[in-house]
């Protein structure tokens, strides 16, 4: 599926040294704990696929939830300090 056409990518901000991609995961997930548990593996797969496709093309980029501002990528242990 095309995540842009599906409305999951809500904003892309391109700066000189990084690109931030905002996704609509939290706002499209029902607040019931079971629904959250079922959706998490799907969201993780979407993030993995985005990283696989964009990793060699963008340089440094972040994937962030547009509602909660949770960072999905890069993971904290992957970031340079």
PDB file of N, CA and C in Angstrom:
ATOM      1  N   UNK A   1       0.848  -1.183   0.000  1.00  0.00           N
ATOM      2  CA  UNK A   1       0.000   0.000   0.000  1.00  0.00           C
ATOM      3  C   UNK A   1       0.889   1.240   0.000  1.00  0.00           C
ATOM      4  N   UNK A   2       0.379   2.291  -0.555  1.00  0.00           N
ATOM      5  CA  UNK A   2       1.065   3.566  -0.602  1.00  0.00           C
ATOM      6  C   UNK A   2       0.691   4.368   0.639  1.00  0.00           C
ATOM      7  N   UNK A   3       1.638   4.553   1.572  1.00  0.00           N
ATOM      8  CA  UNK A   3       1.316   5.192   2.840  1.00  0.00           C
ATOM      9  C   UNK A   3       1.029   6.685   2.689  1.00  0.00           C
ATOM     10  N   UNK A   4       1.530   7.302   1.629  1.00  0.00           N
ATOM     11  CA  UNK A   4       1.221   8.719   1.398  1.00  0.00           C
ATOM     12  C   UNK A   4      -0.233   8.859   0.954  1.00  0.00           C
ATOM     13  N   UNK A   5      -0.652   8.056  -0.003  1.00  0.00           N
ATOM     14  CA  UNK A   5      -2.048   8.102  -0.469  1.00  0.00           C
ATOM     15  C   UNK A   5      -3.029   7.694   0.621  1.00  0.00           C
ATOM     16  N   UNK A   6      -2.594   6.810   1.516  1.00  0.00           N
ATOM     17  CA  UNK A   6      -3.444   6.380   2.620  1.00  0.00           C
ATOM     18  C   UNK A   6      -3.543   7.426   3.728  1.00  0.00           C
ATOM     19  N   UNK A   7      -2.750   8.488   3.640  1.00  0.00           N
ATOM     20  CA  UNK A   7      -2.812   9.562   4.615  1.00  0.00           C
ATOM     21  C   UNK A   7      -1.963   9.355   5.859  1.00  0.00           C
ATOM     22  N   UNK A   8      -1.055   8.381   5.838  1.00  0.00           N
ATOM     23  CA  UNK A   8      -0.212   8.141   6.997  1.00  0.00           C
ATOM     24  C   UNK A   8       0.956   9.117   7.088  1.00  0.00           C
ATOM     25  N   UNK A   9       1.435   9.613   5.961  1.00  0.00           N
ATOM     26  CA  UNK A   9       2.480  10.642   5.973  1.00  0.00           C
ATOM     27  C   UNK A   9       1.776  11.980   5.876  1.00  0.00           C
ATOM     28  N   UNK A  10       1.908  12.785   6.939  1.00  0.00           N
ATOM     29  CA  UNK A  10       1.163  14.038   6.976  1.00  0.00           C
ATOM     30  C   UNK A  10       2.004  15.258   6.664  1.00  0.00           C
ATOM     31  N   UNK A  11       3.322  15.147   6.882  1.00  0.00           N
ATOM     32  CA  UNK A  11       4.181  16.303   6.618  1.00  0.00           C
ATOM     33  C   UNK A  11       5.612  15.821   6.471  1.00  0.00           C
ATOM     34  N   UNK A  12       6.343  16.493   5.577  1.00  0.00           N
ATOM     35  CA  UNK A  12       7.767  16.232   5.417  1.00  0.00           C
ATOM     36  C   UNK A  12       8.476  17.575   5.476  1.00  0.00           C
ATOM     37  N   UNK A  13       9.422  17.693   6.394  1.00  0.00           N
ATOM     38  CA  UNK A  13      10.194  18.929   6.523  1.00  0.00           C
ATOM     39  C   UNK A  13      11.641  18.621   6.142  1.00  0.00           C
ATOM     40  N   UNK A  14      12.117  19.293   5.107  1.00  0.00           N
ATOM     41  CA  UNK A  14      13.480  19.100   4.631  1.00  0.00           C
ATOM     42  C   UNK A  14      14.303  20.297   5.072  1.00  0.00           C
ATOM     43  N   UNK A  15      15.317  20.025   5.872  1.00  0.00           N
ATOM     44  CA  UNK A  15      16.247  21.055   6.314  1.00  0.00           C
ATOM     45  C   UNK A  15      17.612  20.737   5.716  1.00  0.00           C
ATOM     46  N   UNK A  16      18.550  21.603   5.963  1.00  0.00           N
ATOM     47  CA  UNK A  16      19.876  21.437   5.376  1.00  0.00           C
ATOM     48  C   UNK A  16      20.550  20.130   5.790  1.00  0.00           C
ATOM     49  N   UNK A  17      20.432  19.766   7.075  1.00  0.00           N
ATOM     50  CA  UNK A  17      21.154  18.600   7.571  1.00  0.00           C
ATOM     51  C   UNK A  17      20.268  17.412   7.939  1.00  0.00           C
ATOM     52  N   UNK A  18      18.950  17.544   7.822  1.00  0.00           N
ATOM     53  CA  UNK A  18      18.078  16.410   8.142  1.00  0.00           C
ATOM     54  C   UNK A  18      16.707  16.580   7.490  1.00  0.00           C
ATOM     55  N   UNK A  19      16.011  15.470   7.411  1.00  0.00           N
ATOM     56  CA  UNK A  19      14.631  15.442   6.930  1.00  0.00           C
ATOM     57  C   UNK A  19      13.785  14.830   8.038  1.00  0.00           C
ATOM     58  N   UNK A  20      12.645  15.454   8.329  1.00  0.00           N
ATOM     59  CA  UNK A  20      11.725  14.916   9.332  1.00  0.00           C
ATOM     60  C   UNK A  20      10.437  14.522   8.629  1.00  0.00           C
ATOM     61  N   UNK A  21      10.044  13.276   8.820  1.00  0.00           N
ATOM     62  CA  UNK A  21       8.830  12.742   8.207  1.00  0.00           C
ATOM     63  C   UNK A  21       7.820  12.510   9.328  1.00  0.00           C
ATOM     64  N   UNK A  22       6.683  13.178   9.238  1.00  0.00           N
ATOM     65  CA  UNK A  22       5.630  13.036  10.253  1.00  0.00           C
ATOM     66  C   UNK A  22       4.600  12.026   9.768  1.00  0.00           C
ATOM     67  N   UNK A  23       4.288  11.070  10.640  1.00  0.00           N
ATOM     68  CA  UNK A  23       3.310  10.026  10.317  1.00  0.00           C
ATOM     69  C   UNK A  23       2.129  10.114  11.280  1.00  0.00           C
ATOM     70  N   UNK A  24       0.981   9.679  10.815  1.00  0.00           N
ATOM     71  CA  UNK A  24      -0.258   9.761  11.599  1.00  0.00           C
ATOM     72  C   UNK A  24      -0.599   8.398  12.192  1.00  0.00           C
ATOM     73  N   UNK A  25       0.280   7.885  13.051  1.00  0.00           N
ATOM     74  CA  UNK A  25       0.007   6.597  13.680  1.00  0.00           C
ATOM     75  C   UNK A  25      -0.954   6.748  14.857  1.00  0.00           C
ATOM     76  N   UNK A  26      -0.650   7.602  15.804  1.00  0.00           N
ATOM     77  CA  UNK A  26      -1.456   7.727  17.029  1.00  0.00           C
ATOM     78  C   UNK A  26      -2.874   8.163  16.713  1.00  0.00           C
ATOM     79  N   UNK A  27      -3.023   9.087  15.810  1.00  0.00           N
ATOM     80  CA  UNK A  27      -4.363   9.603  15.541  1.00  0.00           C
ATOM     81  C   UNK A  27      -5.224   8.589  14.793  1.00  0.00           C
ATOM     82  N   UNK A  28      -4.603   7.623  14.117  1.00  0.00           N
ATOM     83  CA  UNK A  28      -5.355   6.606  13.383  1.00  0.00           C
ATOM     84  C   UNK A  28      -5.474   5.292  14.144  1.00  0.00           C
ATOM     85  N   UNK A  29      -5.030   5.263  15.401  1.00  0.00           N
ATOM     86  CA  UNK A  29      -5.109   4.050  16.207  1.00  0.00           C
ATOM     87  C   UNK A  29      -6.174   4.221  17.282  1.00  0.00           C
ATOM     88  N   UNK A  30      -7.157   3.337  17.339  1.00  0.00           N
ATOM     89  CA  UNK A  30      -8.157   3.426  18.411  1.00  0.00           C
ATOM     90  C   UNK A  30      -7.476   3.340  19.775  1.00  0.00           C
ATOM     91  N   UNK A  31      -8.053   3.984  20.774  1.00  0.00           N
ATOM     92  CA  UNK A  31      -7.409   4.054  22.092  1.00  0.00           C
ATOM     93  C   UNK A  31      -7.606   2.811  22.955  1.00  0.00           C
ATOM     94  N   UNK A  32      -8.268   1.842  22.468  1.00  0.00           N
ATOM     95  CA  UNK A  32      -8.447   0.592  23.214  1.00  0.00           C
ATOM     96  C   UNK A  32      -7.114  -0.165  23.247  1.00  0.00           C
ATOM     97  N   UNK A  33      -6.708  -0.691  24.413  1.00  0.00           N
ATOM     98  CA  UNK A  33      -5.413  -1.381  24.521  1.00  0.00           C
ATOM     99  C   UNK A  33      -5.234  -2.525  23.519  1.00  0.00           C
ATOM    100  N   UNK A  34      -6.290  -3.277  23.254  1.00  0.00           N
ATOM    101  CA  UNK A  34      -6.172  -4.376  22.294  1.00  0.00           C
ATOM    102  C   UNK A  34      -5.861  -3.843  20.902  1.00  0.00           C
ATOM    103  N   UNK A  35      -6.553  -2.786  20.494  1.00  0.00           N
ATOM    104  CA  UNK A  35      -6.309  -2.199  19.171  1.00  0.00           C
ATOM    105  C   UNK A  35      -4.883  -1.676  19.073  1.00  0.00           C
ATOM    106  N   UNK A  36      -4.397  -1.068  20.149  1.00  0.00           N
ATOM    107  CA  UNK A  36      -3.018  -0.576  20.147  1.00  0.00           C
ATOM    108  C   UNK A  36      -2.030  -1.730  19.994  1.00  0.00           C
ATOM    109  N   UNK A  37      -2.284  -2.822  20.704  1.00  0.00           N
ATOM    110  CA  UNK A  37      -1.393  -3.978  20.635  1.00  0.00           C
ATOM    111  C   UNK A  37      -1.389  -4.613  19.253  1.00  0.00           C
ATOM    112  N   UNK A  38      -2.535  -4.629  18.604  1.00  0.00           N
ATOM    113  CA  UNK A  38      -2.630  -5.202  17.260  1.00  0.00           C
ATOM    114  C   UNK A  38      -1.945  -4.294  16.244  1.00  0.00           C
ATOM    115  N   UNK A  39      -2.058  -2.983  16.416  1.00  0.00           N
ATOM    116  CA  UNK A  39      -1.490  -2.037  15.451  1.00  0.00           C
ATOM    117  C   UNK A  39       0.012  -1.868  15.569  1.00  0.00           C
ATOM    118  N   UNK A  40       0.582  -2.091  16.748  1.00  0.00           N
ATOM    119  CA  UNK A  40       1.998  -1.835  16.928  1.00  0.00           C
ATOM    120  C   UNK A  40       2.889  -2.584  15.944  1.00  0.00           C
ATOM    121  N   UNK A  41       2.702  -3.901  15.722  1.00  0.00           N
ATOM    122  CA  UNK A  41       3.563  -4.601  14.753  1.00  0.00           C
ATOM    123  C   UNK A  41       3.414  -4.058  13.329  1.00  0.00           C
ATOM    124  N   UNK A  42       2.225  -3.599  12.991  1.00  0.00           N
ATOM    125  CA  UNK A  42       2.008  -3.025  11.657  1.00  0.00           C
ATOM    126  C   UNK A  42       2.779  -1.712  11.535  1.00  0.00           C
ATOM    127  N   UNK A  43       2.686  -0.881  12.557  1.00  0.00           N
ATOM    128  CA  UNK A  43       3.404   0.388  12.531  1.00  0.00           C
ATOM    129  C   UNK A  43       4.915   0.154  12.496  1.00  0.00           C
ATOM    130  N   UNK A  44       5.393  -0.803  13.259  1.00  0.00           N
ATOM    131  CA  UNK A  44       6.822  -1.124  13.264  1.00  0.00           C
ATOM    132  C   UNK A  44       7.276  -1.574  11.887  1.00  0.00           C
ATOM    133  N   UNK A  45       6.463  -2.351  11.211  1.00  0.00           N
ATOM    134  CA  UNK A  45       6.798  -2.814   9.852  1.00  0.00           C
ATOM    135  C   UNK A  45       6.832  -1.647   8.876  1.00  0.00           C
ATOM    136  N   UNK A  46       5.886  -0.725   9.001  1.00  0.00           N
ATOM    137  CA  UNK A  46       5.871   0.456   8.136  1.00  0.00           C
ATOM    138  C   UNK A  46       7.152   1.259   8.337  1.00  0.00           C
ATOM    139  N   UNK A  47       7.551   1.468   9.584  1.00  0.00           N
ATOM    140  CA  UNK A  47       8.780   2.224   9.869  1.00  0.00           C
ATOM    141  C   UNK A  47       9.997   1.490   9.295  1.00  0.00           C
ATOM    142  N   UNK A  48      10.090   0.178   9.505  1.00  0.00           N
ATOM    143  CA  UNK A  48      11.215  -0.595   8.952  1.00  0.00           C
ATOM    144  C   UNK A  48      11.280  -0.469   7.436  1.00  0.00           C
ATOM    145  N   UNK A  49      10.132  -0.551   6.778  1.00  0.00           N
ATOM    146  CA  UNK A  49      10.103  -0.436   5.316  1.00  0.00           C
ATOM    147  C   UNK A  49      10.482   0.967   4.864  1.00  0.00           C
ATOM    148  N   UNK A  50      10.035   1.991   5.602  1.00  0.00           N
ATOM    149  CA  UNK A  50      10.423   3.364   5.264  1.00  0.00           C
ATOM    150  C   UNK A  50      11.933   3.534   5.373  1.00  0.00           C
ATOM    151  N   UNK A  51      12.514   2.988   6.435  1.00  0.00           N
ATOM    152  CA  UNK A  51      13.969   3.097   6.633  1.00  0.00           C
ATOM    153  C   UNK A  51      14.701   2.358   5.516  1.00  0.00           C
ATOM    154  N   UNK A  52      14.202   1.181   5.147  1.00  0.00           N
ATOM    155  CA  UNK A  52      14.840   0.397   4.092  1.00  0.00           C
ATOM    156  C   UNK A  52      14.821   1.152   2.755  1.00  0.00           C
ATOM    157  N   UNK A  53      13.712   1.776   2.442  1.00  0.00           N
ATOM    158  CA  UNK A  53      13.577   2.473   1.165  1.00  0.00           C
ATOM    159  C   UNK A  53      14.323   3.806   1.155  1.00  0.00           C
ATOM    160  N   UNK A  54      14.230   4.556   2.258  1.00  0.00           N
ATOM    161  CA  UNK A  54      14.776   5.911   2.283  1.00  0.00           C
ATOM    162  C   UNK A  54      16.201   6.004   2.815  1.00  0.00           C
ATOM    163  N   UNK A  55      16.679   4.956   3.470  1.00  0.00           N
ATOM    164  CA  UNK A  55      17.973   4.996   4.147  1.00  0.00           C
ATOM    165  C   UNK A  55      19.133   5.458   3.290  1.00  0.00           C
ATOM    166  N   UNK A  56      19.252   4.995   2.091  1.00  0.00           N
ATOM    167  CA  UNK A  56      20.362   5.377   1.233  1.00  0.00           C
ATOM    168  C   UNK A  56      20.111   6.619   0.413  1.00  0.00           C
ATOM    169  N   UNK A  57      18.917   7.187   0.529  1.00  0.00           N
ATOM    170  CA  UNK A  57      18.548   8.312  -0.331  1.00  0.00           C
ATOM    171  C   UNK A  57      18.527   9.650   0.384  1.00  0.00           C
ATOM    172  N   UNK A  58      18.245   9.662   1.673  1.00  0.00           N
ATOM    173  CA  UNK A  58      18.030  10.928   2.368  1.00  0.00           C
ATOM    174  C   UNK A  58      19.173  11.377   3.256  1.00  0.00           C
ATOM    175  N   UNK A  59      20.092  10.535   3.588  1.00  0.00           N
ATOM    176  CA  UNK A  59      21.054  10.892   4.620  1.00  0.00           C
ATOM    177  C   UNK A  59      20.385  10.754   5.975  1.00  0.00           C
ATOM    178  N   UNK A  60      20.573  11.748   6.860  1.00  0.00           N
ATOM    179  CA  UNK A  60      19.958  11.666   8.184  1.00  0.00           C
ATOM    180  C   UNK A  60      18.486  12.042   8.098  1.00  0.00           C
ATOM    181  N   UNK A  61      17.611  11.193   8.623  1.00  0.00           N
ATOM    182  CA  UNK A  61      16.184  11.517   8.672  1.00  0.00           C
ATOM    183  C   UNK A  61      15.566  10.945   9.927  1.00  0.00           C
ATOM    184  N   UNK A  62      14.448  11.540  10.310  1.00  0.00           N
ATOM    185  CA  UNK A  62      13.684  11.099  11.470  1.00  0.00           C
ATOM    186  C   UNK A  62      12.265  10.782  11.036  1.00  0.00           C
ATOM    187  N   UNK A  63      11.660   9.808  11.707  1.00  0.00           N
ATOM    188  CA  UNK A  63      10.245   9.494  11.526  1.00  0.00           C
ATOM    189  C   UNK A  63       9.584   9.765  12.870  1.00  0.00           C
ATOM    190  N   UNK A  64       8.613  10.691  12.880  1.00  0.00           N
ATOM    191  CA  UNK A  64       8.015  11.187  14.111  1.00  0.00           C
ATOM    192  C   UNK A  64       6.492  11.124  13.995  1.00  0.00           C
ATOM    193  N   UNK A  65       5.813  10.735  15.086  1.00  0.00           N
ATOM    194  CA  UNK A  65       4.354  10.746  15.109  1.00  0.00           C
ATOM    195  C   UNK A  65       3.861  12.194  15.136  1.00  0.00           C
ATOM    196  N   UNK A  66       2.910  12.525  14.298  1.00  0.00           N
ATOM    197  CA  UNK A  66       2.452  13.916  14.192  1.00  0.00           C
ATOM    198  C   UNK A  66       1.568  14.364  15.352  1.00  0.00           C
ATOM    199  N   UNK A  67       1.085  13.449  16.160  1.00  0.00           N
ATOM    200  CA  UNK A  67       0.242  13.802  17.303  1.00  0.00           C
ATOM    201  C   UNK A  67       1.026  13.762  18.613  1.00  0.00           C
ATOM    202  N   UNK A  68       1.716  12.672  18.863  1.00  0.00           N
ATOM    203  CA  UNK A  68       2.430  12.498  20.136  1.00  0.00           C
ATOM    204  C   UNK A  68       3.869  12.985  20.074  1.00  0.00           C
ATOM    205  N   UNK A  69       4.394  13.200  18.879  1.00  0.00           N
ATOM    206  CA  UNK A  69       5.791  13.564  18.631  1.00  0.00           C
ATOM    207  C   UNK A  69       6.771  12.474  19.072  1.00  0.00           C
ATOM    208  N   UNK A  70       6.259  11.254  19.188  1.00  0.00           N
ATOM    209  CA  UNK A  70       7.129  10.115  19.485  1.00  0.00           C
ATOM    210  C   UNK A  70       8.031   9.865  18.281  1.00  0.00           C
ATOM    211  N   UNK A  71       9.324   9.692  18.551  1.00  0.00           N
ATOM    212  CA  UNK A  71      10.270   9.393  17.471  1.00  0.00           C
ATOM    213  C   UNK A  71      10.313   7.881  17.272  1.00  0.00           C
ATOM    214  N   UNK A  72      10.049   7.446  16.048  1.00  0.00           N
ATOM    215  CA  UNK A  72      10.117   6.027  15.712  1.00  0.00           C
ATOM    216  C   UNK A  72      11.478   5.665  15.128  1.00  0.00           C
ATOM    217  N   UNK A  73      12.114   6.638  14.481  1.00  0.00           N
ATOM    218  CA  UNK A  73      13.426   6.393  13.883  1.00  0.00           C
ATOM    219  C   UNK A  73      14.166   7.707  13.823  1.00  0.00           C
ATOM    220  N   UNK A  74      15.437   7.757  14.121  1.00  0.00           N
ATOM    221  CA  UNK A  74      16.250   6.638  14.587  1.00  0.00           C
ATOM    222  C   UNK A  74      15.974   6.338  16.050  1.00  0.00           C
ATOM    223  N   UNK A  75      16.278   5.122  16.450  1.00  0.00           N
ATOM    224  CA  UNK A  75      16.136   4.744  17.855  1.00  0.00           C
ATOM    225  C   UNK A  75      17.212   5.459  18.659  1.00  0.00           C
ATOM    226  N   UNK A  76      16.949   5.677  19.923  1.00  0.00           N
ATOM    227  CA  UNK A  76      17.895   6.402  20.782  1.00  0.00           C
ATOM    228  C   UNK A  76      19.302   5.797  20.741  1.00  0.00           C
ATOM    229  N   UNK A  77      19.398   4.466  20.748  1.00  0.00           N
ATOM    230  CA  UNK A  77      20.733   3.845  20.755  1.00  0.00           C
ATOM    231  C   UNK A  77      21.433   3.946  19.420  1.00  0.00           C
ATOM    232  N   UNK A  78      20.737   4.368  18.360  1.00  0.00           N
ATOM    233  CA  UNK A  78      21.349   4.544  17.047  1.00  0.00           C
ATOM    234  C   UNK A  78      21.828   5.975  16.820  1.00  0.00           C
ATOM    235  N   UNK A  79      21.445   6.888  17.706  1.00  0.00           N
ATOM    236  CA  UNK A  79      21.779   8.288  17.512  1.00  0.00           C
ATOM    237  C   UNK A  79      23.187   8.590  18.013  1.00  0.00           C
ATOM    238  N   UNK A  80      23.874   9.461  17.282  1.00  0.00           N
ATOM    239  CA  UNK A  80      25.190   9.906  17.714  1.00  0.00           C
ATOM    240  C   UNK A  80      25.005  10.986  18.766  1.00  0.00           C
ATOM    241  N   UNK A  81      25.850  10.954  19.784  1.00  0.00           N
ATOM    242  CA  UNK A  81      25.747  11.935  20.850  1.00  0.00           C
ATOM    243  C   UNK A  81      26.847  12.964  20.757  1.00  0.00           C
TER     244      UNK A  81
END
